[in-house]
Amino acid sequence: MVQNFSKGDILDVNLGNPPKEVKGHEQGMERPCIVIRSFNNLELAIVVPLTSKEPKYSLYTIVKIPKGTAGLTADSYALCHQIRTISFDRIKGKRNRLDHTEILKIHSVLIDTLEI
């Protein structure tokens, strides 16, 4: 079955379990992630992981997404400094999709983070 994902989709993704599949400060475990770009024909997606844990530090690379947005059950924080490419095999389900305003917030932070 062919899966298609789009920018702004929120997916539940297994990012791996520590200590074998996750190193240092990388995000791991099963968590929601925002699709930034999907290569459906390659079954790959570039994602930004979310966390519900409020960050200790105020970083410009973190975007708050309020509870209830696109199926999120808690206030969440997009960790734009943790961008990563995943195989579709890591995807456990799809929640919903961010609205255009939220996608633009993430997009503008990524432009600054990646200096493009």
PDB file of N, CA and C in Angstrom:
ATOM      1  N   MET A   1       0.827  -1.182   0.000  1.00  0.00           N
ATOM      2  CA  MET A   1       0.000   0.000   0.000  1.00  0.00           C
ATOM      3  C   MET A   1       0.878   1.255   0.000  1.00  0.00           C
ATOM      4  N   VAL A   2       0.666   2.151  -0.941  1.00  0.00           N
ATOM      5  CA  VAL A   2       1.454   3.364  -1.061  1.00  0.00           C
ATOM      6  C   VAL A   2       0.945   4.410  -0.078  1.00  0.00           C
ATOM      7  N   GLN A   3       1.851   4.969   0.698  1.00  0.00           N
ATOM      8  CA  GLN A   3       1.500   6.020   1.647  1.00  0.00           C
ATOM      9  C   GLN A   3       1.969   7.350   1.080  1.00  0.00           C
ATOM     10  N   ASN A   4       1.159   8.379   1.279  1.00  0.00           N
ATOM     11  CA  ASN A   4       1.528   9.711   0.857  1.00  0.00           C
ATOM     12  C   ASN A   4       1.397  10.658   2.028  1.00  0.00           C
ATOM     13  N   PHE A   5       2.447  11.417   2.268  1.00  0.00           N
ATOM     14  CA  PHE A   5       2.450  12.397   3.339  1.00  0.00           C
ATOM     15  C   PHE A   5       2.815  13.751   2.746  1.00  0.00           C
ATOM     16  N   SER A   6       2.391  14.813   3.441  1.00  0.00           N
ATOM     17  CA  SER A   6       2.606  16.171   2.957  1.00  0.00           C
ATOM     18  C   SER A   6       3.171  17.046   4.060  1.00  0.00           C
ATOM     19  N   LYS A   7       3.742  18.192   3.647  1.00  0.00           N
ATOM     20  CA  LYS A   7       4.254  19.173   4.592  1.00  0.00           C
ATOM     21  C   LYS A   7       3.157  19.549   5.579  1.00  0.00           C
ATOM     22  N   GLY A   8       3.503  19.514   6.866  1.00  0.00           N
ATOM     23  CA  GLY A   8       2.553  19.883   7.907  1.00  0.00           C
ATOM     24  C   GLY A   8       1.832  18.715   8.551  1.00  0.00           C
ATOM     25  N   ASP A   9       1.920  17.521   7.957  1.00  0.00           N
ATOM     26  CA  ASP A   9       1.297  16.348   8.587  1.00  0.00           C
ATOM     27  C   ASP A   9       2.007  16.064   9.915  1.00  0.00           C
ATOM     28  N   ILE A  10       1.214  15.684  10.913  1.00  0.00           N
ATOM     29  CA  ILE A  10       1.793  15.245  12.184  1.00  0.00           C
ATOM     30  C   ILE A  10       1.648  13.735  12.257  1.00  0.00           C
ATOM     31  N   LEU A  11       2.799  13.079  12.358  1.00  0.00           N
ATOM     32  CA  LEU A  11       2.867  11.624  12.360  1.00  0.00           C
ATOM     33  C   LEU A  11       3.416  11.135  13.687  1.00  0.00           C
ATOM     34  N   ASP A  12       2.977   9.962  14.116  1.00  0.00           N
ATOM     35  CA  ASP A  12       3.604   9.283  15.244  1.00  0.00           C
ATOM     36  C   ASP A  12       4.748   8.452  14.675  1.00  0.00           C
ATOM     37  N   VAL A  13       5.954   8.724  15.157  1.00  0.00           N
ATOM     38  CA  VAL A  13       7.159   8.121  14.582  1.00  0.00           C
ATOM     39  C   VAL A  13       7.991   7.477  15.682  1.00  0.00           C
ATOM     40  N   ASN A  14       8.502   6.280  15.406  1.00  0.00           N
ATOM     41  CA  ASN A  14       9.444   5.631  16.315  1.00  0.00           C
ATOM     42  C   ASN A  14      10.846   6.077  15.915  1.00  0.00           C
ATOM     43  N   LEU A  15      11.431   6.952  16.737  1.00  0.00           N
ATOM     44  CA  LEU A  15      12.769   7.485  16.440  1.00  0.00           C
ATOM     45  C   LEU A  15      13.891   6.632  17.022  1.00  0.00           C
ATOM     46  N   GLY A  16      13.547   5.508  17.618  1.00  0.00           N
ATOM     47  CA  GLY A  16      14.573   4.609  18.141  1.00  0.00           C
ATOM     48  C   GLY A  16      14.654   4.651  19.650  1.00  0.00           C
ATOM     49  N   ASN A  17      15.192   3.588  20.199  1.00  0.00           N
ATOM     50  CA  ASN A  17      15.314   3.453  21.649  1.00  0.00           C
ATOM     51  C   ASN A  17      16.758   3.614  22.091  1.00  0.00           C
ATOM     52  N   PRO A  18      16.961   4.365  23.193  1.00  0.00           N
ATOM     53  CA  PRO A  18      18.316   4.469  23.731  1.00  0.00           C
ATOM     54  C   PRO A  18      18.710   3.150  24.389  1.00  0.00           C
ATOM     55  N   PRO A  19      19.943   2.778  24.503  1.00  0.00           N
ATOM     56  CA  PRO A  19      21.110   3.527  24.053  1.00  0.00           C
ATOM     57  C   PRO A  19      21.611   3.126  22.673  1.00  0.00           C
ATOM     58  N   LYS A  20      21.045   2.065  22.078  1.00  0.00           N
ATOM     59  CA  LYS A  20      21.585   1.575  20.806  1.00  0.00           C
ATOM     60  C   LYS A  20      21.212   2.446  19.611  1.00  0.00           C
ATOM     61  N   GLU A  21      19.988   2.950  19.562  1.00  0.00           N
ATOM     62  CA  GLU A  21      19.509   3.651  18.378  1.00  0.00           C
ATOM     63  C   GLU A  21      19.496   5.176  18.531  1.00  0.00           C
ATOM     64  N   VAL A  22      19.786   5.665  19.728  1.00  0.00           N
ATOM     65  CA  VAL A  22      19.770   7.098  20.012  1.00  0.00           C
ATOM     66  C   VAL A  22      21.061   7.446  20.742  1.00  0.00           C
ATOM     67  N   LYS A  23      21.705   8.508  20.321  1.00  0.00           N
ATOM     68  CA  LYS A  23      22.972   8.916  20.944  1.00  0.00           C
ATOM     69  C   LYS A  23      22.868  10.348  21.465  1.00  0.00           C
ATOM     70  N   GLY A  24      23.582  10.623  22.538  1.00  0.00           N
ATOM     71  CA  GLY A  24      23.680  11.972  23.078  1.00  0.00           C
ATOM     72  C   GLY A  24      22.333  12.624  23.325  1.00  0.00           C
ATOM     73  N   HIS A  25      22.140  13.810  22.758  1.00  0.00           N
ATOM     74  CA  HIS A  25      20.919  14.588  22.966  1.00  0.00           C
ATOM     75  C   HIS A  25      19.889  14.392  21.862  1.00  0.00           C
ATOM     76  N   GLU A  26      20.075  13.384  21.001  1.00  0.00           N
ATOM     77  CA  GLU A  26      19.087  13.113  19.953  1.00  0.00           C
ATOM     78  C   GLU A  26      17.747  12.740  20.571  1.00  0.00           C
ATOM     79  N   GLN A  27      16.681  13.100  19.871  1.00  0.00           N
ATOM     80  CA  GLN A  27      15.344  12.693  20.309  1.00  0.00           C
ATOM     81  C   GLN A  27      15.135  11.237  19.924  1.00  0.00           C
ATOM     82  N   GLY A  28      14.503  10.500  20.785  1.00  0.00           N
ATOM     83  CA  GLY A  28      14.223   9.100  20.525  1.00  0.00           C
ATOM     84  C   GLY A  28      12.818   8.749  20.956  1.00  0.00           C
ATOM     85  N   MET A  29      12.553   7.476  21.018  1.00  0.00           N
ATOM     86  CA  MET A  29      11.266   6.926  21.428  1.00  0.00           C
ATOM     87  C   MET A  29      10.188   7.228  20.375  1.00  0.00           C
ATOM     88  N   GLU A  30       8.966   6.759  20.656  1.00  0.00           N
ATOM     89  CA  GLU A  30       7.855   7.062  19.746  1.00  0.00           C
ATOM     90  C   GLU A  30       7.282   8.415  20.150  1.00  0.00           C
ATOM     91  N   ARG A  31       7.181   9.318  19.179  1.00  0.00           N
ATOM     92  CA  ARG A  31       6.703  10.673  19.447  1.00  0.00           C
ATOM     93  C   ARG A  31       6.136  11.286  18.177  1.00  0.00           C
ATOM     94  N   PRO A  32       5.307  12.303  18.322  1.00  0.00           N
ATOM     95  CA  PRO A  32       4.820  12.996  17.134  1.00  0.00           C
ATOM     96  C   PRO A  32       5.936  13.787  16.468  1.00  0.00           C
ATOM     97  N   CYS A  33       5.878  13.837  15.163  1.00  0.00           N
ATOM     98  CA  CYS A  33       6.827  14.610  14.362  1.00  0.00           C
ATOM     99  C   CYS A  33       6.054  15.335  13.266  1.00  0.00           C
ATOM    100  N   ILE A  34       6.578  16.487  12.864  1.00  0.00           N
ATOM    101  CA  ILE A  34       5.972  17.279  11.799  1.00  0.00           C
ATOM    102  C   ILE A  34       6.730  17.016  10.507  1.00  0.00           C
ATOM    103  N   VAL A  35       6.004  16.685   9.447  1.00  0.00           N
ATOM    104  CA  VAL A  35       6.621  16.479   8.142  1.00  0.00           C
ATOM    105  C   VAL A  35       6.994  17.849   7.559  1.00  0.00           C
ATOM    106  N   ILE A  36       8.254  17.987   7.178  1.00  0.00           N
ATOM    107  CA  ILE A  36       8.741  19.194   6.524  1.00  0.00           C
ATOM    108  C   ILE A  36       8.768  18.980   5.014  1.00  0.00           C
ATOM    109  N   ARG A  37       9.162  17.780   4.615  1.00  0.00           N
ATOM    110  CA  ARG A  37       9.217  17.421   3.197  1.00  0.00           C
ATOM    111  C   ARG A  37       9.074  15.922   3.105  1.00  0.00           C
ATOM    112  N   SER A  38       8.249  15.466   2.179  1.00  0.00           N
ATOM    113  CA  SER A  38       8.066  14.036   1.992  1.00  0.00           C
ATOM    114  C   SER A  38       8.499  13.642   0.585  1.00  0.00           C
ATOM    115  N   PHE A  39       9.252  12.575   0.514  1.00  0.00           N
ATOM    116  CA  PHE A  39       9.660  11.975  -0.755  1.00  0.00           C
ATOM    117  C   PHE A  39       8.905  10.653  -0.847  1.00  0.00           C
ATOM    118  N   ASN A  40       7.626  10.749  -1.218  1.00  0.00           N
ATOM    119  CA  ASN A  40       6.736   9.588  -1.181  1.00  0.00           C
ATOM    120  C   ASN A  40       7.242   8.441  -2.039  1.00  0.00           C
ATOM    121  N   ASN A  41       7.811   8.750  -3.216  1.00  0.00           N
ATOM    122  CA  ASN A  41       8.296   7.677  -4.096  1.00  0.00           C
ATOM    123  C   ASN A  41       9.504   6.946  -3.507  1.00  0.00           C
ATOM    124  N   LEU A  42      10.248   7.588  -2.596  1.00  0.00           N
ATOM    125  CA  LEU A  42      11.393   6.959  -1.940  1.00  0.00           C
ATOM    126  C   LEU A  42      11.046   6.407  -0.555  1.00  0.00           C
ATOM    127  N   GLU A  43       9.804   6.692  -0.105  1.00  0.00           N
ATOM    128  CA  GLU A  43       9.350   6.318   1.230  1.00  0.00           C
ATOM    129  C   GLU A  43      10.251   6.887   2.322  1.00  0.00           C
ATOM    130  N   LEU A  44      10.595   8.190   2.142  1.00  0.00           N
ATOM    131  CA  LEU A  44      11.389   8.935   3.105  1.00  0.00           C
ATOM    132  C   LEU A  44      10.695  10.261   3.402  1.00  0.00           C
ATOM    133  N   ALA A  45      10.890  10.763   4.619  1.00  0.00           N
ATOM    134  CA  ALA A  45      10.350  12.070   4.978  1.00  0.00           C
ATOM    135  C   ALA A  45      11.351  12.794   5.868  1.00  0.00           C
ATOM    136  N   ILE A  46      11.429  14.111   5.692  1.00  0.00           N
ATOM    137  CA  ILE A  46      12.212  14.953   6.588  1.00  0.00           C
ATOM    138  C   ILE A  46      11.238  15.473   7.632  1.00  0.00           C
ATOM    139  N   VAL A  47      11.571  15.263   8.910  1.00  0.00           N
ATOM    140  CA  VAL A  47      10.649  15.609   9.989  1.00  0.00           C
ATOM    141  C   VAL A  47      11.346  16.430  11.078  1.00  0.00           C
ATOM    142  N   VAL A  48      10.502  17.129  11.834  1.00  0.00           N
ATOM    143  CA  VAL A  48      10.936  17.822  13.049  1.00  0.00           C
ATOM    144  C   VAL A  48      10.209  17.146  14.205  1.00  0.00           C
ATOM    145  N   PRO A  49      10.947  16.592  15.174  1.00  0.00           N
ATOM    146  CA  PRO A  49      10.295  15.933  16.308  1.00  0.00           C
ATOM    147  C   PRO A  49       9.657  16.939  17.260  1.00  0.00           C
ATOM    148  N   LEU A  50       8.615  16.480  17.931  1.00  0.00           N
ATOM    149  CA  LEU A  50       7.937  17.268  18.952  1.00  0.00           C
ATOM    150  C   LEU A  50       8.201  16.665  20.321  1.00  0.00           C
ATOM    151  N   THR A  51       8.147  17.501  21.333  1.00  0.00           N
ATOM    152  CA  THR A  51       8.201  17.046  22.715  1.00  0.00           C
ATOM    153  C   THR A  51       7.122  17.781  23.495  1.00  0.00           C
ATOM    154  N   SER A  52       6.602  17.134  24.515  1.00  0.00           N
ATOM    155  CA  SER A  52       5.627  17.806  25.374  1.00  0.00           C
ATOM    156  C   SER A  52       6.313  18.383  26.611  1.00  0.00           C
ATOM    157  N   LYS A  53       7.595  18.084  26.760  1.00  0.00           N
ATOM    158  CA  LYS A  53       8.360  18.598  27.896  1.00  0.00           C
ATOM    159  C   LYS A  53       8.793  20.034  27.600  1.00  0.00           C
ATOM    160  N   GLU A  54       8.372  20.953  28.475  1.00  0.00           N
ATOM    161  CA  GLU A  54       8.728  22.357  28.268  1.00  0.00           C
ATOM    162  C   GLU A  54      10.246  22.510  28.362  1.00  0.00           C
ATOM    163  N   PRO A  55      10.842  23.167  27.359  1.00  0.00           N
ATOM    164  CA  PRO A  55      12.309  23.301  27.344  1.00  0.00           C
ATOM    165  C   PRO A  55      12.827  24.096  28.546  1.00  0.00           C
ATOM    166  N   LYS A  56      14.009  23.701  29.032  1.00  0.00           N
ATOM    167  CA  LYS A  56      14.663  24.408  30.131  1.00  0.00           C
ATOM    168  C   LYS A  56      15.206  25.754  29.657  1.00  0.00           C
ATOM    169  N   TYR A  57      15.567  25.803  28.376  1.00  0.00           N
ATOM    170  CA  TYR A  57      16.187  26.993  27.815  1.00  0.00           C
ATOM    171  C   TYR A  57      15.288  27.587  26.739  1.00  0.00           C
ATOM    172  N   SER A  58      15.346  28.888  26.598  1.00  0.00           N
ATOM    173  CA  SER A  58      14.597  29.567  25.547  1.00  0.00           C
ATOM    174  C   SER A  58      15.480  29.646  24.305  1.00  0.00           C
ATOM    175  N   LEU A  59      15.221  28.783  23.355  1.00  0.00           N
ATOM    176  CA  LEU A  59      15.990  28.762  22.107  1.00  0.00           C
ATOM    177  C   LEU A  59      15.093  29.198  20.956  1.00  0.00           C
ATOM    178  N   TYR A  60      15.637  29.949  20.021  1.00  0.00           N
ATOM    179  CA  TYR A  60      14.840  30.374  18.866  1.00  0.00           C
ATOM    180  C   TYR A  60      14.471  29.194  17.970  1.00  0.00           C
ATOM    181  N   THR A  61      15.119  28.058  18.153  1.00  0.00           N
ATOM    182  CA  THR A  61      14.864  26.890  17.313  1.00  0.00           C
ATOM    183  C   THR A  61      13.680  26.061  17.803  1.00  0.00           C
ATOM    184  N   ILE A  62      13.028  26.496  18.878  1.00  0.00           N
ATOM    185  CA  ILE A  62      11.900  25.760  19.440  1.00  0.00           C
ATOM    186  C   ILE A  62      10.622  26.561  19.220  1.00  0.00           C
ATOM    187  N   VAL A  63       9.618  25.902  18.629  1.00  0.00           N
ATOM    188  CA  VAL A  63       8.335  26.544  18.339  1.00  0.00           C
ATOM    189  C   VAL A  63       7.239  25.850  19.142  1.00  0.00           C
ATOM    190  N   LYS A  64       6.521  26.637  19.949  1.00  0.00           N
ATOM    191  CA  LYS A  64       5.434  26.071  20.748  1.00  0.00           C
ATOM    192  C   LYS A  64       4.204  25.863  19.875  1.00  0.00           C
ATOM    193  N   ILE A  65       3.593  24.684  20.019  1.00  0.00           N
ATOM    194  CA  ILE A  65       2.355  24.361  19.312  1.00  0.00           C
ATOM    195  C   ILE A  65       1.322  23.999  20.387  1.00  0.00           C
ATOM    196  N   PRO A  66       0.241  24.775  20.475  1.00  0.00           N
ATOM    197  CA  PRO A  66      -0.726  24.582  21.561  1.00  0.00           C
ATOM    198  C   PRO A  66      -1.469  23.255  21.508  1.00  0.00           C
ATOM    199  N   LYS A  67      -1.824  22.783  22.697  1.00  0.00           N
ATOM    200  CA  LYS A  67      -2.646  21.583  22.856  1.00  0.00           C
ATOM    201  C   LYS A  67      -3.904  21.714  21.997  1.00  0.00           C
ATOM    202  N   GLY A  68      -4.312  20.610  21.387  1.00  0.00           N
ATOM    203  CA  GLY A  68      -5.510  20.602  20.556  1.00  0.00           C
ATOM    204  C   GLY A  68      -5.238  20.885  19.093  1.00  0.00           C
ATOM    205  N   THR A  69      -4.057  21.437  18.790  1.00  0.00           N
ATOM    206  CA  THR A  69      -3.698  21.711  17.403  1.00  0.00           C
ATOM    207  C   THR A  69      -3.379  20.397  16.701  1.00  0.00           C
ATOM    208  N   ALA A  70      -4.063  20.126  15.618  1.00  0.00           N
ATOM    209  CA  ALA A  70      -3.777  18.965  14.760  1.00  0.00           C
ATOM    210  C   ALA A  70      -3.713  17.644  15.524  1.00  0.00           C
ATOM    211  N   GLY A  71      -4.553  17.480  16.536  1.00  0.00           N
ATOM    212  CA  GLY A  71      -4.618  16.217  17.255  1.00  0.00           C
ATOM    213  C   GLY A  71      -3.622  16.049  18.376  1.00  0.00           C
ATOM    214  N   LEU A  72      -2.907  17.115  18.749  1.00  0.00           N
ATOM    215  CA  LEU A  72      -1.949  17.015  19.852  1.00  0.00           C
ATOM    216  C   LEU A  72      -2.704  17.076  21.181  1.00  0.00           C
ATOM    217  N   THR A  73      -2.346  16.202  22.099  1.00  0.00           N
ATOM    218  CA  THR A  73      -3.063  16.095  23.367  1.00  0.00           C
ATOM    219  C   THR A  73      -2.428  16.931  24.478  1.00  0.00           C
ATOM    220  N   ALA A  74      -1.310  17.588  24.194  1.00  0.00           N
ATOM    221  CA  ALA A  74      -0.633  18.442  25.178  1.00  0.00           C
ATOM    222  C   ALA A  74       0.059  19.572  24.437  1.00  0.00           C
ATOM    223  N   ASP A  75       0.353  20.670  25.149  1.00  0.00           N
ATOM    224  CA  ASP A  75       1.210  21.689  24.549  1.00  0.00           C
ATOM    225  C   ASP A  75       2.481  20.988  24.099  1.00  0.00           C
ATOM    226  N   SER A  76       2.912  21.293  22.892  1.00  0.00           N
ATOM    227  CA  SER A  76       4.082  20.614  22.340  1.00  0.00           C
ATOM    228  C   SER A  76       5.069  21.637  21.803  1.00  0.00           C
ATOM    229  N   TYR A  77       6.295  21.186  21.643  1.00  0.00           N
ATOM    230  CA  TYR A  77       7.373  22.059  21.216  1.00  0.00           C
ATOM    231  C   TYR A  77       8.095  21.397  20.047  1.00  0.00           C
ATOM    232  N   ALA A  78       8.094  22.089  18.908  1.00  0.00           N
ATOM    233  CA  ALA A  78       8.795  21.594  17.715  1.00  0.00           C
ATOM    234  C   ALA A  78      10.275  21.906  17.880  1.00  0.00           C
ATOM    235  N   LEU A  79      11.092  20.876  17.846  1.00  0.00           N
ATOM    236  CA  LEU A  79      12.536  21.017  18.036  1.00  0.00           C
ATOM    237  C   LEU A  79      13.220  21.139  16.678  1.00  0.00           C
ATOM    238  N   CYS A  80      13.226  22.348  16.143  1.00  0.00           N
ATOM    239  CA  CYS A  80      13.716  22.572  14.776  1.00  0.00           C
ATOM    240  C   CYS A  80      15.218  22.346  14.633  1.00  0.00           C
ATOM    241  N   HIS A  81      15.944  22.227  15.736  1.00  0.00           N
ATOM    242  CA  HIS A  81      17.374  21.888  15.685  1.00  0.00           C
ATOM    243  C   HIS A  81      17.581  20.371  15.660  1.00  0.00           C
ATOM    244  N   GLN A  82      16.495  19.601  15.679  1.00  0.00           N
ATOM    245  CA  GLN A  82      16.575  18.136  15.670  1.00  0.00           C
ATOM    246  C   GLN A  82      16.054  17.554  14.346  1.00  0.00           C
ATOM    247  N   ILE A  83      16.035  18.335  13.275  1.00  0.00           N
ATOM    248  CA  ILE A  83      15.532  17.896  11.974  1.00  0.00           C
ATOM    249  C   ILE A  83      16.214  16.588  11.567  1.00  0.00           C
ATOM    250  N   ARG A  84      15.409  15.697  10.955  1.00  0.00           N
ATOM    251  CA  ARG A  84      15.983  14.396  10.595  1.00  0.00           C
ATOM    252  C   ARG A  84      15.183  13.738   9.473  1.00  0.00           C
ATOM    253  N   THR A  85      15.854  12.899   8.697  1.00  0.00           N
ATOM    254  CA  THR A  85      15.208  12.125   7.640  1.00  0.00           C
ATOM    255  C   THR A  85      14.889  10.743   8.191  1.00  0.00           C
ATOM    256  N   ILE A  86      13.645  10.306   7.929  1.00  0.00           N
ATOM    257  CA  ILE A  86      13.219   8.992   8.425  1.00  0.00           C
ATOM    258  C   ILE A  86      12.656   8.146   7.277  1.00  0.00           C
ATOM    259  N   SER A  87      12.719   6.859   7.450  1.00  0.00           N
ATOM    260  CA  SER A  87      12.052   5.923   6.553  1.00  0.00           C
ATOM    261  C   SER A  87      10.580   5.842   6.937  1.00  0.00           C
ATOM    262  N   PHE A  88       9.716   5.613   5.965  1.00  0.00           N
ATOM    263  CA  PHE A  88       8.295   5.414   6.256  1.00  0.00           C
ATOM    264  C   PHE A  88       8.082   4.226   7.196  1.00  0.00           C
ATOM    265  N   ASP A  89       9.058   3.305   7.264  1.00  0.00           N
ATOM    266  CA  ASP A  89       8.948   2.153   8.165  1.00  0.00           C
ATOM    267  C   ASP A  89       8.889   2.581   9.632  1.00  0.00           C
ATOM    268  N   ARG A  90       9.362   3.780   9.950  1.00  0.00           N
ATOM    269  CA  ARG A  90       9.340   4.284  11.327  1.00  0.00           C
ATOM    270  C   ARG A  90       7.982   4.886  11.706  1.00  0.00           C
ATOM    271  N   ILE A  91       7.115   5.142  10.729  1.00  0.00           N
ATOM    272  CA  ILE A  91       5.842   5.806  10.968  1.00  0.00           C
ATOM    273  C   ILE A  91       4.831   4.818  11.531  1.00  0.00           C
ATOM    274  N   LYS A  92       4.236   5.177  12.663  1.00  0.00           N
ATOM    275  CA  LYS A  92       3.260   4.320  13.346  1.00  0.00           C
ATOM    276  C   LYS A  92       1.828   4.783  13.125  1.00  0.00           C
ATOM    277  N   GLY A  93       1.645   6.009  12.681  1.00  0.00           N
ATOM    278  CA  GLY A  93       0.296   6.518  12.438  1.00  0.00           C
ATOM    279  C   GLY A  93       0.332   7.997  12.098  1.00  0.00           C
ATOM    280  N   LYS A  94      -0.810   8.479  11.638  1.00  0.00           N
ATOM    281  CA  LYS A  94      -0.945   9.898  11.288  1.00  0.00           C
ATOM    282  C   LYS A  94      -2.014  10.507  12.182  1.00  0.00           C
ATOM    283  N   ARG A  95      -1.726  11.679  12.741  1.00  0.00           N
ATOM    284  CA  ARG A  95      -2.686  12.371  13.605  1.00  0.00           C
ATOM    285  C   ARG A  95      -3.555  13.313  12.781  1.00  0.00           C
ATOM    286  N   ASN A  96      -2.959  14.356  12.273  1.00  0.00           N
ATOM    287  CA  ASN A  96      -3.699  15.384  11.549  1.00  0.00           C
ATOM    288  C   ASN A  96      -2.693  16.248  10.818  1.00  0.00           C
ATOM    289  N   ARG A  97      -3.079  17.489  10.543  1.00  0.00           N
ATOM    290  CA  ARG A  97      -2.215  18.380   9.781  1.00  0.00           C
ATOM    291  C   ARG A  97      -2.244  19.762  10.426  1.00  0.00           C
ATOM    292  N   LEU A  98      -1.070  20.395  10.502  1.00  0.00           N
ATOM    293  CA  LEU A  98      -0.991  21.760  10.996  1.00  0.00           C
ATOM    294  C   LEU A  98      -1.656  22.709  10.011  1.00  0.00           C
ATOM    295  N   ASP A  99      -2.177  23.814  10.526  1.00  0.00           N
ATOM    296  CA  ASP A  99      -2.718  24.818   9.615  1.00  0.00           C
ATOM    297  C   ASP A  99      -1.560  25.622   9.018  1.00  0.00           C
ATOM    298  N   HIS A 100      -1.894  26.414   8.014  1.00  0.00           N
ATOM    299  CA  HIS A 100      -0.880  27.142   7.241  1.00  0.00           C
ATOM    300  C   HIS A 100      -0.046  28.071   8.134  1.00  0.00           C
ATOM    301  N   THR A 101      -0.669  28.718   9.101  1.00  0.00           N
ATOM    302  CA  THR A 101       0.042  29.646   9.988  1.00  0.00           C
ATOM    303  C   THR A 101       1.119  28.927  10.789  1.00  0.00           C
ATOM    304  N   GLU A 102       0.786  27.764  11.338  1.00  0.00           N
ATOM    305  CA  GLU A 102       1.759  26.996  12.127  1.00  0.00           C
ATOM    306  C   GLU A 102       2.897  26.491  11.240  1.00  0.00           C
ATOM    307  N   ILE A 103       2.569  26.067  10.023  1.00  0.00           N
ATOM    308  CA  ILE A 103       3.608  25.602   9.092  1.00  0.00           C
ATOM    309  C   ILE A 103       4.573  26.744   8.784  1.00  0.00           C
ATOM    310  N   LEU A 104       4.053  27.948   8.577  1.00  0.00           N
ATOM    311  CA  LEU A 104       4.918  29.105   8.284  1.00  0.00           C
ATOM    312  C   LEU A 104       5.844  29.434   9.455  1.00  0.00           C
ATOM    313  N   LYS A 105       5.372  29.286  10.686  1.00  0.00           N
ATOM    314  CA  LYS A 105       6.224  29.519  11.862  1.00  0.00           C
ATOM    315  C   LYS A 105       7.413  28.560  11.842  1.00  0.00           C
ATOM    316  N   ILE A 106       7.110  27.280  11.621  1.00  0.00           N
ATOM    317  CA  ILE A 106       8.171  26.253  11.569  1.00  0.00           C
ATOM    318  C   ILE A 106       9.126  26.558  10.410  1.00  0.00           C
ATOM    319  N   HIS A 107       8.564  26.878   9.271  1.00  0.00           N
ATOM    320  CA  HIS A 107       9.364  27.153   8.073  1.00  0.00           C
ATOM    321  C   HIS A 107      10.341  28.304   8.309  1.00  0.00           C
ATOM    322  N   SER A 108       9.861  29.390   8.917  1.00  0.00           N
ATOM    323  CA  SER A 108      10.736  30.546   9.132  1.00  0.00           C
ATOM    324  C   SER A 108      11.857  30.224  10.118  1.00  0.00           C
ATOM    325  N   VAL A 109      11.569  29.417  11.141  1.00  0.00           N
ATOM    326  CA  VAL A 109      12.613  29.024  12.091  1.00  0.00           C
ATOM    327  C   VAL A 109      13.636  28.118  11.401  1.00  0.00           C
ATOM    328  N   LEU A 110      13.176  27.213  10.536  1.00  0.00           N
ATOM    329  CA  LEU A 110      14.109  26.326   9.818  1.00  0.00           C
ATOM    330  C   LEU A 110      15.026  27.113   8.891  1.00  0.00           C
ATOM    331  N   ILE A 111      14.500  28.115   8.235  1.00  0.00           N
ATOM    332  CA  ILE A 111      15.335  28.956   7.362  1.00  0.00           C
ATOM    333  C   ILE A 111      16.457  29.585   8.173  1.00  0.00           C
ATOM    334  N   ASP A 112      16.133  30.101   9.344  1.00  0.00           N
ATOM    335  CA  ASP A 112      17.152  30.716  10.197  1.00  0.00           C
ATOM    336  C   ASP A 112      18.107  29.672  10.772  1.00  0.00           C
ATOM    337  N   THR A 113      17.570  28.555  11.225  1.00  0.00           N
ATOM    338  CA  THR A 113      18.383  27.488  11.826  1.00  0.00           C
ATOM    339  C   THR A 113      19.402  26.941  10.828  1.00  0.00           C
ATOM    340  N   LEU A 114      18.949  26.708   9.604  1.00  0.00           N
ATOM    341  CA  LEU A 114      19.825  26.128   8.576  1.00  0.00           C
ATOM    342  C   LEU A 114      20.615  27.176   7.804  1.00  0.00           C
ATOM    343  N   GLU A 115      20.356  28.446   8.115  1.00  0.00           N
ATOM    344  CA  GLU A 115      21.037  29.567   7.455  1.00  0.00           C
ATOM    345  C   GLU A 115      20.899  29.491   5.945  1.00  0.00           C
ATOM    346  N   ILE A 116      19.651  29.308   5.482  1.00  0.00           N
ATOM    347  CA  ILE A 116      19.389  29.268   4.030  1.00  0.00           C
ATOM    348  C   ILE A 116      18.494  30.411   3.609  1.00  0.00           C
TER     349      ILE A 116
END
